[in-house]
N, C-alpha and C. Protein backbone atom coordinates (compact mmCIF):
# COMPACT_ATOMS: atom_id res chain seq x y z
N MET A 1 0.10 1.03 -17.45
CA MET A 1 -0.77 -0.16 -16.70
C MET A 1 0.37 -0.63 -15.38
N SER A 2 -0.37 -1.13 -14.72
CA SER A 2 0.92 -1.52 -13.41
C SER A 2 -0.27 -2.69 -12.66
N ASP A 3 1.02 -3.66 -12.21
CA ASP A 3 -0.13 -4.87 -12.03
C ASP A 3 0.47 -5.28 -10.53
N ALA A 4 -0.60 -6.44 -9.75
CA ALA A 4 -0.68 -6.90 -8.62
C ALA A 4 -0.83 -8.20 -9.35
N LEU A 5 -0.41 -9.36 -8.10
CA LEU A 5 -0.62 -10.23 -8.12
C LEU A 5 -1.33 -10.34 -6.79
N LEU A 6 -2.38 -11.30 -6.63
CA LEU A 6 -3.71 -11.37 -5.21
C LEU A 6 -2.92 -13.11 -5.30
N VAL A 7 -2.72 -13.41 -4.27
CA VAL A 7 -2.92 -14.84 -3.54
C VAL A 7 -3.46 -14.85 -2.04
N MET A 8 -4.48 -15.49 -2.15
CA MET A 8 -5.72 -15.45 -1.45
C MET A 8 -6.33 -16.16 -0.96
N ASP A 9 -6.26 -16.32 0.64
CA ASP A 9 -6.91 -17.59 1.56
C ASP A 9 -5.87 -18.63 1.13
N PHE A 10 -4.36 -18.12 1.29
CA PHE A 10 -3.90 -19.40 1.22
C PHE A 10 -3.02 -19.55 3.05
N GLN A 11 -4.22 -19.36 3.72
CA GLN A 11 -4.07 -19.84 5.15
C GLN A 11 -3.96 -21.04 5.69
N ARG A 12 -3.15 -21.62 7.00
CA ARG A 12 -3.22 -22.82 7.22
C ARG A 12 -3.54 -23.51 7.44
N VAL A 13 -5.23 -23.32 7.86
CA VAL A 13 -6.44 -23.69 7.93
C VAL A 13 -7.02 -23.84 6.30
N ILE A 14 -6.82 -23.25 5.79
CA ILE A 14 -7.60 -23.55 4.51
C ILE A 14 -6.73 -24.44 3.60
N VAL A 15 -5.59 -24.22 3.35
CA VAL A 15 -4.80 -25.13 2.55
C VAL A 15 -4.49 -26.75 2.96
N GLU A 16 -4.50 -26.68 4.84
CA GLU A 16 -4.97 -28.23 4.83
C GLU A 16 -6.48 -28.84 4.97
N ARG A 17 -7.24 -27.88 4.76
CA ARG A 17 -8.48 -28.75 4.22
C ARG A 17 -8.89 -28.96 3.06
N PHE A 18 -7.73 -28.28 2.35
CA PHE A 18 -8.02 -28.27 0.77
C PHE A 18 -7.00 -29.45 0.53
N ALA A 19 -5.85 -30.20 1.52
CA ALA A 19 -5.59 -31.43 1.31
C ALA A 19 -4.36 -31.52 0.19
N GLU A 20 -4.47 -32.11 -0.68
CA GLU A 20 -3.19 -32.13 -2.12
C GLU A 20 -3.40 -31.17 -2.73
N ARG A 21 -4.95 -31.12 -3.09
CA ARG A 21 -5.07 -29.86 -4.10
C ARG A 21 -4.93 -28.36 -3.64
N GLY A 22 -4.68 -28.42 -1.85
CA GLY A 22 -4.19 -26.95 -1.34
C GLY A 22 -2.95 -26.53 -1.89
N THR A 23 -2.18 -28.25 -1.31
CA THR A 23 -0.96 -28.24 -1.73
C THR A 23 -0.07 -27.81 -2.71
N HIS A 24 -0.77 -28.28 -3.66
CA HIS A 24 -0.83 -28.24 -5.16
C HIS A 24 -1.05 -26.85 -5.69
N ALA A 25 -1.86 -26.09 -5.39
CA ALA A 25 -1.92 -24.58 -5.29
C ALA A 25 -1.26 -24.22 -4.54
N LEU A 26 -0.61 -24.17 -3.29
CA LEU A 26 0.03 -23.53 -3.08
C LEU A 26 1.54 -23.49 -3.83
N GLU A 27 1.67 -24.25 -4.18
CA GLU A 27 3.50 -24.72 -4.89
C GLU A 27 3.13 -23.61 -6.19
N ARG A 28 1.82 -23.75 -7.12
CA ARG A 28 1.74 -23.13 -8.29
C ARG A 28 1.93 -21.45 -7.67
N ALA A 29 1.16 -20.98 -6.68
CA ALA A 29 1.45 -19.75 -6.28
C ALA A 29 2.20 -19.15 -6.33
N ASN A 30 3.53 -20.30 -5.15
CA ASN A 30 5.10 -19.77 -5.30
C ASN A 30 5.48 -19.55 -6.63
N ALA A 31 5.52 -20.40 -7.36
CA ALA A 31 5.73 -20.02 -8.41
C ALA A 31 5.29 -18.58 -9.02
N ALA A 32 4.46 -18.28 -9.42
CA ALA A 32 3.64 -17.33 -9.97
C ALA A 32 3.89 -16.45 -8.49
N LEU A 33 4.56 -16.17 -7.39
CA LEU A 33 5.06 -15.47 -7.07
C LEU A 33 6.38 -14.93 -7.26
N ALA A 34 7.23 -16.03 -7.61
CA ALA A 34 8.34 -15.66 -8.01
C ALA A 34 8.52 -14.68 -9.39
N HIS A 35 7.52 -15.39 -10.35
CA HIS A 35 7.41 -14.51 -11.79
C HIS A 35 7.25 -13.03 -11.31
N ALA A 36 6.08 -12.65 -10.44
CA ALA A 36 5.85 -11.69 -10.21
C ALA A 36 6.58 -10.42 -9.85
N ARG A 37 7.52 -10.78 -8.62
CA ARG A 37 8.40 -10.26 -8.28
C ARG A 37 9.75 -9.96 -9.54
N SER A 38 10.27 -10.94 -10.08
CA SER A 38 10.61 -10.74 -11.29
C SER A 38 10.64 -9.81 -12.00
N ARG A 39 8.93 -9.68 -12.34
CA ARG A 39 8.74 -8.76 -13.35
C ARG A 39 8.00 -7.39 -12.59
N GLY A 40 8.70 -6.83 -10.86
CA GLY A 40 8.48 -5.93 -10.30
C GLY A 40 6.80 -5.63 -9.87
N PHE A 41 6.09 -6.37 -9.82
CA PHE A 41 4.42 -6.62 -10.21
C PHE A 41 4.29 -6.43 -8.16
N LEU A 42 3.16 -5.93 -8.19
CA LEU A 42 3.16 -5.16 -6.62
C LEU A 42 2.16 -6.91 -6.06
N VAL A 43 3.13 -7.62 -5.32
CA VAL A 43 2.31 -8.99 -4.40
C VAL A 43 1.55 -8.53 -2.79
N ILE A 44 0.13 -8.54 -3.26
CA ILE A 44 -0.27 -8.99 -2.14
C ILE A 44 -1.05 -10.60 -1.94
N PHE A 45 -0.90 -10.59 -0.39
CA PHE A 45 -1.68 -11.60 -0.05
C PHE A 45 -3.16 -11.17 1.11
N VAL A 46 -4.12 -11.94 0.73
CA VAL A 46 -5.46 -11.28 1.02
C VAL A 46 -5.80 -12.71 2.10
N ARG A 47 -6.13 -12.29 3.30
CA ARG A 47 -6.69 -13.83 4.07
C ARG A 47 -7.78 -13.51 4.47
N VAL A 48 -8.47 -14.31 5.58
CA VAL A 48 -10.12 -13.95 5.61
C VAL A 48 -9.89 -14.30 7.35
N ALA A 49 -10.26 -13.28 8.25
CA ALA A 49 -9.92 -13.35 9.89
C ALA A 49 -11.11 -12.33 10.18
N PHE A 50 -11.39 -12.62 11.47
CA PHE A 50 -12.36 -11.41 12.73
C PHE A 50 -11.84 -11.15 13.55
N ARG A 51 -12.20 -9.67 13.67
CA ARG A 51 -11.76 -9.18 15.22
C ARG A 51 -12.42 -10.22 16.28
N PRO A 52 -11.76 -10.38 17.45
CA PRO A 52 -12.31 -10.84 18.64
C PRO A 52 -13.54 -10.73 19.10
N GLY A 53 -14.40 -12.13 19.10
CA GLY A 53 -15.77 -12.12 18.97
C GLY A 53 -16.64 -11.69 17.80
N ALA A 54 -16.18 -11.65 16.92
CA ALA A 54 -16.40 -11.47 15.33
C ALA A 54 -17.40 -10.41 15.08
N PRO A 55 -17.76 -8.98 15.49
CA PRO A 55 -18.51 -8.67 15.68
C PRO A 55 -19.00 -8.09 13.65
N GLU A 56 -18.35 -8.67 12.95
CA GLU A 56 -19.04 -8.43 11.67
C GLU A 56 -19.47 -8.94 11.23
N VAL A 57 -19.86 -10.15 11.73
CA VAL A 57 -20.38 -11.28 11.48
C VAL A 57 -21.85 -11.36 11.50
N ALA A 58 -22.92 -10.85 11.04
CA ALA A 58 -24.44 -11.03 11.76
C ALA A 58 -24.57 -12.78 11.50
N GLU A 59 -25.67 -12.65 12.43
CA GLU A 59 -26.47 -14.41 12.38
C GLU A 59 -27.03 -14.75 11.18
N THR A 60 -27.68 -13.37 10.31
CA THR A 60 -28.05 -13.83 9.40
C THR A 60 -27.28 -14.16 8.06
N ASN A 61 -26.24 -14.35 8.54
CA ASN A 61 -25.28 -14.76 7.37
C ASN A 61 -24.32 -16.19 7.94
N PRO A 62 -25.45 -17.58 7.24
CA PRO A 62 -25.14 -18.85 7.93
C PRO A 62 -23.51 -19.16 7.98
N GLY A 63 -23.28 -19.24 6.87
CA GLY A 63 -21.64 -19.52 6.61
C GLY A 63 -20.40 -19.09 7.56
N PHE A 64 -20.91 -17.79 7.39
CA PHE A 64 -19.34 -17.03 8.55
C PHE A 64 -20.11 -16.95 9.87
N PHE A 65 -21.58 -17.30 9.95
CA PHE A 65 -22.08 -16.54 11.55
C PHE A 65 -21.16 -18.09 12.27
N ALA A 66 -21.85 -19.36 11.68
CA ALA A 66 -20.88 -20.79 11.96
C ALA A 66 -19.23 -21.04 11.96
N LEU A 67 -18.68 -20.15 10.97
CA LEU A 67 -17.30 -20.16 10.93
C LEU A 67 -16.61 -20.00 12.31
N SER A 68 -17.58 -18.31 12.21
CA SER A 68 -17.12 -17.05 13.75
C SER A 68 -16.96 -18.19 14.87
N ARG A 69 -18.30 -18.91 15.35
CA ARG A 69 -18.92 -19.23 16.08
C ARG A 69 -17.63 -21.06 16.87
N ALA A 70 -17.52 -21.10 15.35
CA ALA A 70 -16.55 -22.82 15.70
C ALA A 70 -15.63 -22.34 16.47
N GLY A 71 -14.79 -20.68 15.89
CA GLY A 71 -13.31 -20.54 16.39
C GLY A 71 -12.22 -20.89 15.57
N GLY A 72 -11.49 -19.84 16.22
CA GLY A 72 -10.35 -20.11 15.44
C GLY A 72 -10.00 -19.57 13.94
N TRP A 73 -11.04 -18.37 14.17
CA TRP A 73 -10.92 -17.63 13.38
C TRP A 73 -10.49 -16.11 13.40
N ASP A 74 -9.85 -15.66 14.63
CA ASP A 74 -10.05 -14.49 14.95
C ASP A 74 -8.47 -13.91 14.22
N GLU A 75 -8.70 -12.68 14.04
CA GLU A 75 -7.23 -12.41 13.32
C GLU A 75 -5.71 -13.03 13.55
N ASP A 76 -5.73 -12.93 14.91
CA ASP A 76 -4.24 -13.16 15.55
C ASP A 76 -4.30 -14.78 15.57
N SER A 77 -4.97 -15.50 15.67
CA SER A 77 -5.40 -16.70 15.59
C SER A 77 -4.44 -17.85 14.45
N PRO A 78 -3.57 -18.14 15.25
CA PRO A 78 -2.51 -19.22 14.19
C PRO A 78 -3.27 -19.90 12.86
N SER A 79 -4.32 -20.41 13.24
CA SER A 79 -4.94 -20.99 11.77
C SER A 79 -5.50 -20.00 11.03
N THR A 80 -5.23 -18.99 11.24
CA THR A 80 -5.71 -18.13 10.27
C THR A 80 -4.24 -17.28 9.30
N ALA A 81 -2.98 -17.45 9.90
CA ALA A 81 -2.13 -17.19 9.27
C ALA A 81 -1.94 -17.46 7.93
N LEU A 82 -1.11 -16.73 7.12
CA LEU A 82 -0.78 -17.64 5.80
C LEU A 82 -0.06 -18.49 6.44
N HIS A 83 0.03 -19.57 5.03
CA HIS A 83 0.92 -20.60 5.44
C HIS A 83 1.90 -20.56 5.67
N PRO A 84 2.95 -21.62 6.18
CA PRO A 84 4.44 -21.39 6.30
C PRO A 84 5.20 -22.02 4.95
N SER A 85 4.76 -22.65 4.23
CA SER A 85 5.10 -22.89 3.09
C SER A 85 4.75 -21.49 1.94
N LEU A 86 4.23 -21.13 2.07
CA LEU A 86 3.52 -20.15 1.16
C LEU A 86 5.22 -18.99 1.16
N ASP A 87 5.76 -18.33 -0.07
CA ASP A 87 6.58 -17.48 -0.15
C ASP A 87 6.63 -15.69 0.20
N VAL A 88 6.24 -15.64 1.42
CA VAL A 88 5.81 -14.25 1.86
C VAL A 88 7.29 -13.63 2.13
N ARG A 89 7.30 -12.16 1.79
CA ARG A 89 8.60 -11.95 1.94
C ARG A 89 8.46 -10.52 2.67
N ALA A 90 9.47 -9.58 3.04
CA ALA A 90 9.32 -7.94 3.52
C ALA A 90 8.79 -7.41 2.39
N GLY A 91 8.01 -6.31 3.25
CA GLY A 91 7.42 -5.45 1.43
C GLY A 91 6.38 -6.25 0.84
N ASP A 92 5.93 -7.21 1.25
CA ASP A 92 4.50 -7.71 0.41
C ASP A 92 3.97 -7.76 1.42
N LEU A 93 2.62 -6.83 0.58
CA LEU A 93 1.74 -6.60 1.42
C LEU A 93 0.50 -7.81 2.01
N VAL A 94 -0.13 -7.46 2.97
CA VAL A 94 -1.17 -8.28 3.75
C VAL A 94 -1.92 -7.77 3.94
N THR A 95 -3.49 -8.26 3.55
CA THR A 95 -4.90 -7.23 3.72
C THR A 95 -5.78 -8.34 4.39
N VAL A 96 -6.49 -8.01 5.38
CA VAL A 96 -7.64 -9.08 5.53
C VAL A 96 -9.03 -8.43 5.35
N LYS A 97 -9.81 -9.70 5.22
CA LYS A 97 -10.86 -9.64 4.69
C LYS A 97 -11.89 -10.14 5.39
N ARG A 98 -13.44 -9.53 5.53
CA ARG A 98 -14.20 -10.32 6.14
C ARG A 98 -14.91 -10.66 5.67
N ARG A 99 -15.20 -11.05 4.11
CA ARG A 99 -16.55 -11.90 3.41
C ARG A 99 -15.67 -12.50 2.77
N VAL A 100 -16.44 -13.43 1.28
CA VAL A 100 -15.64 -13.96 0.31
C VAL A 100 -14.80 -13.31 -0.63
N SER A 101 -14.89 -12.50 -0.89
CA SER A 101 -14.46 -11.47 -2.20
C SER A 101 -13.21 -11.03 -1.21
N ALA A 102 -12.86 -10.67 -1.91
CA ALA A 102 -10.83 -10.13 -1.05
C ALA A 102 -10.92 -8.62 -1.11
N PHE A 103 -12.36 -8.19 -1.86
CA PHE A 103 -12.58 -6.67 -1.76
C PHE A 103 -13.51 -6.09 -0.55
N ALA A 104 -14.18 -7.15 0.02
CA ALA A 104 -15.65 -6.88 0.85
C ALA A 104 -14.56 -7.13 2.56
N GLY A 105 -15.11 -5.71 2.79
CA GLY A 105 -14.22 -5.85 4.64
C GLY A 105 -13.00 -5.48 4.44
N SER A 106 -12.25 -5.36 3.50
CA SER A 106 -10.82 -5.00 3.57
C SER A 106 -10.35 -3.76 2.71
N ASP A 107 -9.12 -3.34 3.02
CA ASP A 107 -8.19 -2.10 1.98
C ASP A 107 -7.72 -2.21 1.09
N LEU A 108 -8.09 -3.38 0.46
CA LEU A 108 -7.84 -4.16 -1.10
C LEU A 108 -8.07 -2.86 -2.24
N ASP A 109 -8.66 -2.32 -2.44
CA ASP A 109 -9.11 -1.20 -3.47
C ASP A 109 -8.46 -0.26 -3.00
N VAL A 110 -8.11 0.46 -2.01
CA VAL A 110 -7.31 1.81 -1.67
C VAL A 110 -6.06 1.52 -2.11
N ILE A 111 -5.55 -0.24 -1.88
CA ILE A 111 -4.06 0.21 -1.88
C ILE A 111 -4.14 -0.09 -3.43
N LEU A 112 -4.67 -0.66 -3.63
CA LEU A 112 -4.83 -0.69 -6.02
C LEU A 112 -4.63 -0.08 -6.33
N ARG A 113 -5.88 1.59 -5.92
CA ARG A 113 -5.69 2.55 -6.35
C ARG A 113 -4.44 3.26 -5.98
N ALA A 114 -3.89 3.25 -5.03
CA ALA A 114 -2.93 4.27 -4.47
C ALA A 114 -1.57 3.69 -5.25
N HIS A 115 -1.27 2.56 -5.67
CA HIS A 115 -0.36 1.96 -6.36
C HIS A 115 -0.86 1.97 -8.09
N ARG A 116 -1.81 2.68 -8.58
CA ARG A 116 -2.30 2.40 -9.83
C ARG A 116 -2.38 1.29 -10.57
N VAL A 117 -3.28 0.33 -9.68
CA VAL A 117 -2.79 -0.78 -10.64
C VAL A 117 -4.15 -1.16 -11.37
N ASP A 118 -3.71 -1.57 -12.67
CA ASP A 118 -5.24 -1.88 -13.56
C ASP A 118 -5.06 -3.55 -13.90
N ARG A 119 -4.26 -3.96 -13.74
CA ARG A 119 -4.02 -5.36 -13.98
C ARG A 119 -4.29 -6.43 -13.05
N LEU A 120 -4.51 -7.23 -12.46
CA LEU A 120 -4.92 -8.26 -11.20
C LEU A 120 -4.91 -10.10 -11.99
N THR A 121 -3.98 -10.48 -11.00
CA THR A 121 -3.71 -12.25 -11.32
C THR A 121 -4.13 -12.77 -10.22
N LEU A 122 -5.05 -13.42 -10.32
CA LEU A 122 -5.77 -14.20 -9.24
C LEU A 122 -5.31 -15.46 -8.89
N ALA A 123 -4.93 -15.76 -7.84
CA ALA A 123 -4.27 -17.02 -7.26
C ALA A 123 -5.15 -17.23 -5.89
N GLY A 124 -6.18 -18.24 -5.53
CA GLY A 124 -6.48 -18.78 -4.62
C GLY A 124 -7.60 -20.08 -4.14
N ILE A 125 -7.48 -19.91 -3.01
CA ILE A 125 -8.57 -21.42 -1.98
C ILE A 125 -9.63 -20.14 -1.57
N SER A 126 -10.93 -20.72 -2.76
CA SER A 126 -10.93 -21.61 -3.14
C SER A 126 -11.71 -20.96 -4.57
N THR A 127 -11.77 -21.59 -5.49
CA THR A 127 -12.16 -21.57 -6.80
C THR A 127 -13.42 -21.09 -6.97
N SER A 128 -14.42 -21.58 -6.50
CA SER A 128 -16.00 -21.36 -5.88
C SER A 128 -16.52 -20.32 -5.11
N GLY A 129 -15.08 -19.79 -4.11
CA GLY A 129 -15.45 -18.97 -3.30
C GLY A 129 -14.97 -17.66 -3.72
N VAL A 130 -12.99 -17.53 -3.21
CA VAL A 130 -12.77 -16.24 -3.07
C VAL A 130 -12.75 -15.68 -4.50
N VAL A 131 -12.12 -16.24 -5.07
CA VAL A 131 -11.56 -16.63 -6.59
C VAL A 131 -12.87 -15.82 -7.58
N LEU A 132 -13.56 -16.61 -7.54
CA LEU A 132 -15.22 -16.13 -8.07
C LEU A 132 -15.54 -14.71 -7.51
N SER A 133 -16.03 -15.01 -6.14
CA SER A 133 -16.28 -13.72 -5.53
C SER A 133 -15.13 -12.08 -6.03
N THR A 134 -13.89 -12.30 -5.91
CA THR A 134 -13.00 -11.39 -5.93
C THR A 134 -13.26 -10.74 -7.67
N LEU A 135 -12.93 -12.15 -8.81
CA LEU A 135 -13.38 -12.04 -10.16
C LEU A 135 -14.53 -10.49 -10.64
N ARG A 136 -15.55 -11.14 -10.16
CA ARG A 136 -16.35 -10.54 -10.60
C ARG A 136 -16.39 -8.88 -9.48
N ALA A 137 -16.19 -8.92 -8.40
CA ALA A 137 -16.14 -7.70 -7.75
C ALA A 137 -14.41 -7.25 -9.12
N ALA A 138 -13.29 -7.04 -8.95
CA ALA A 138 -12.72 -6.64 -9.71
C ALA A 138 -13.16 -6.59 -11.39
N ALA A 139 -14.11 -6.98 -11.66
CA ALA A 139 -14.20 -6.67 -13.10
C ALA A 139 -14.83 -5.97 -13.19
N ASP A 140 -16.19 -6.27 -12.15
CA ASP A 140 -17.34 -4.50 -12.11
C ASP A 140 -16.41 -3.12 -11.75
N LEU A 141 -15.08 -3.62 -11.42
CA LEU A 141 -14.78 -2.09 -11.26
C LEU A 141 -13.42 -1.93 -12.10
N ASP A 142 -13.68 -2.56 -12.97
CA ASP A 142 -12.80 -2.31 -14.25
C ASP A 142 -11.51 -2.97 -14.25
N PHE A 143 -11.21 -3.64 -13.38
CA PHE A 143 -9.34 -4.13 -13.43
C PHE A 143 -9.28 -5.34 -14.81
N THR A 144 -8.71 -5.91 -15.34
CA THR A 144 -8.00 -6.45 -16.22
C THR A 144 -7.74 -7.23 -14.99
N VAL A 145 -8.35 -8.79 -15.15
CA VAL A 145 -8.09 -9.28 -14.57
C VAL A 145 -8.01 -11.27 -15.21
N THR A 146 -6.05 -11.46 -14.29
CA THR A 146 -6.12 -13.06 -14.91
C THR A 146 -6.47 -13.95 -13.97
N VAL A 147 -6.97 -15.66 -14.18
CA VAL A 147 -6.80 -16.21 -13.35
C VAL A 147 -5.71 -17.47 -13.76
N LEU A 148 -5.04 -17.72 -12.41
CA LEU A 148 -4.21 -19.17 -12.64
C LEU A 148 -4.72 -19.96 -12.51
N ALA A 149 -5.29 -20.44 -12.91
CA ALA A 149 -5.82 -21.87 -12.91
C ALA A 149 -5.28 -22.74 -12.08
N ASP A 150 -3.80 -23.46 -12.19
CA ASP A 150 -3.58 -24.30 -11.42
C ASP A 150 -2.98 -23.76 -10.10
N ALA A 151 -3.29 -22.31 -10.16
CA ALA A 151 -3.01 -21.80 -8.83
C ALA A 151 -3.83 -21.50 -7.70
N CYS A 152 -5.24 -22.33 -8.12
CA CYS A 152 -6.38 -22.39 -7.41
C CYS A 152 -7.46 -23.73 -7.31
N ALA A 153 -7.79 -24.06 -6.44
CA ALA A 153 -8.43 -25.25 -5.65
C ALA A 153 -9.62 -24.93 -5.59
N ASP A 154 -10.29 -26.01 -5.24
CA ASP A 154 -11.66 -26.23 -4.91
C ASP A 154 -12.20 -27.62 -4.16
N ALA A 155 -12.94 -27.90 -3.32
CA ALA A 155 -13.65 -29.05 -2.73
C ALA A 155 -14.03 -29.62 -3.74
N ASP A 156 -14.76 -29.55 -5.10
CA ASP A 156 -15.27 -29.66 -5.93
C ASP A 156 -14.81 -29.74 -7.37
N ASP A 157 -13.59 -31.03 -8.08
CA ASP A 157 -13.29 -31.09 -9.28
C ASP A 157 -14.12 -29.83 -10.22
N GLU A 158 -15.28 -30.49 -9.89
CA GLU A 158 -16.47 -30.23 -11.46
C GLU A 158 -16.46 -28.97 -11.15
N VAL A 159 -17.15 -28.29 -10.32
CA VAL A 159 -17.31 -26.93 -9.74
C VAL A 159 -16.12 -26.05 -10.42
N HIS A 160 -15.08 -26.38 -9.60
CA HIS A 160 -13.57 -25.89 -10.72
C HIS A 160 -13.34 -25.56 -12.05
N ARG A 161 -13.59 -27.37 -12.41
CA ARG A 161 -13.37 -26.83 -14.12
C ARG A 161 -14.64 -26.17 -14.72
N VAL A 162 -15.88 -26.05 -13.69
CA VAL A 162 -16.63 -25.49 -14.91
C VAL A 162 -16.20 -24.20 -14.88
N LEU A 163 -15.68 -23.38 -13.32
CA LEU A 163 -15.87 -22.33 -13.42
C LEU A 163 -14.82 -21.82 -14.23
N ILE A 164 -13.57 -22.44 -14.60
CA ILE A 164 -12.17 -22.27 -15.17
C ILE A 164 -12.39 -22.47 -16.43
N ASP A 165 -13.37 -23.22 -16.96
CA ASP A 165 -13.63 -23.75 -18.79
C ASP A 165 -14.33 -22.74 -19.24
N LYS A 166 -15.76 -22.39 -18.09
CA LYS A 166 -16.90 -21.94 -19.09
C LYS A 166 -17.35 -20.61 -18.10
N VAL A 167 -17.09 -20.19 -16.56
CA VAL A 167 -17.57 -19.20 -16.27
C VAL A 167 -16.49 -17.82 -16.68
N PHE A 168 -15.47 -18.43 -16.07
CA PHE A 168 -14.10 -17.01 -15.76
C PHE A 168 -13.90 -16.38 -17.17
N PRO A 169 -14.03 -17.10 -18.30
CA PRO A 169 -13.62 -16.67 -19.56
C PRO A 169 -14.29 -15.80 -19.65
N ARG A 170 -15.65 -15.44 -19.22
CA ARG A 170 -16.64 -14.03 -19.89
C ARG A 170 -16.11 -13.11 -19.39
N GLN A 171 -14.92 -13.16 -18.02
CA GLN A 171 -14.34 -11.72 -17.40
C GLN A 171 -13.09 -11.97 -17.46
N ALA A 172 -12.50 -12.46 -17.43
CA ALA A 172 -10.70 -12.55 -17.64
C ALA A 172 -10.27 -13.95 -17.99
N ILE A 173 -8.86 -13.64 -18.30
CA ILE A 173 -8.11 -14.57 -19.21
C ILE A 173 -7.78 -15.63 -18.06
N VAL A 174 -7.89 -16.60 -18.49
CA VAL A 174 -7.57 -18.19 -17.48
C VAL A 174 -6.53 -18.71 -18.50
N THR A 175 -5.34 -18.57 -17.88
CA THR A 175 -4.34 -19.48 -18.00
C THR A 175 -3.47 -20.43 -16.71
N THR A 176 -2.43 -21.10 -17.23
CA THR A 176 -1.92 -21.61 -15.75
C THR A 176 -0.74 -20.85 -15.47
N VAL A 177 -0.15 -20.94 -14.30
CA VAL A 177 1.27 -20.16 -14.46
C VAL A 177 2.60 -20.39 -15.20
N ASP A 178 2.50 -21.27 -15.90
CA ASP A 178 3.96 -21.08 -17.34
C ASP A 178 3.08 -20.80 -18.29
N GLY A 179 1.93 -20.79 -18.52
CA GLY A 179 1.52 -20.29 -19.68
C GLY A 179 1.64 -18.43 -19.46
N TRP A 180 0.91 -17.75 -18.22
CA TRP A 180 1.29 -16.89 -17.86
C TRP A 180 2.29 -16.19 -18.06
N ARG A 181 3.55 -16.82 -17.16
CA ARG A 181 5.16 -16.51 -17.35
C ARG A 181 5.36 -16.49 -18.48
N ASP A 182 4.56 -17.21 -19.38
CA ASP A 182 5.75 -17.13 -20.94
C ASP A 182 4.56 -16.51 -22.19
N ALA A 183 4.08 -15.37 -21.49
CA ALA A 183 2.81 -14.61 -22.61
C ALA A 183 3.49 -13.13 -22.26
N PRO A 184 3.79 -12.63 -23.92
CA PRO A 184 4.19 -12.07 -23.74
C PRO A 184 3.67 -10.42 -23.41
N GLY A 185 4.18 -9.70 -22.17
CA GLY A 185 4.24 -8.61 -21.34
C GLY A 185 3.64 -8.99 -19.79
N THR A 186 3.86 -9.91 -19.77
CA THR A 186 3.71 -10.27 -18.19
C THR A 186 5.15 -11.02 -17.66
């Protein structure tokens, strides 16, 4: 069995939008990164961005269409860069996605298969966006999934709580960064 830590959507524009929630999740993600590296896990950062002009976004996708037309979401835009406080190191992989799930429009599955990863640990902003969508896709692809509750954030505390307490446990192990670090085998 091989493990990977996915650190998803910790981009400057997104972390700042989530204010204190985003900063706290980023701090906990950095703690998870330290543990993952000490255990030899594959570390993958996932970011959302579009090609110039967003040719991959259809007018029928209201959320992404409005986002792409607002500007600042191009692959090379400083706003879509990984947050400068995130502990990104040489050798870490970065993949760009084109939709909510880390699997949608990215090469994530190819990377995971090439490294024979079968266990994923997720950290991300937002809980109701990238974390939920990636968890569902990963479970459907037969990965064993862990969600680090305190390394995730959502704009709505109640939505975050319901997902973490009621929805995610149906398809994943849900724990904190400290609980994950202290668990046998991780």
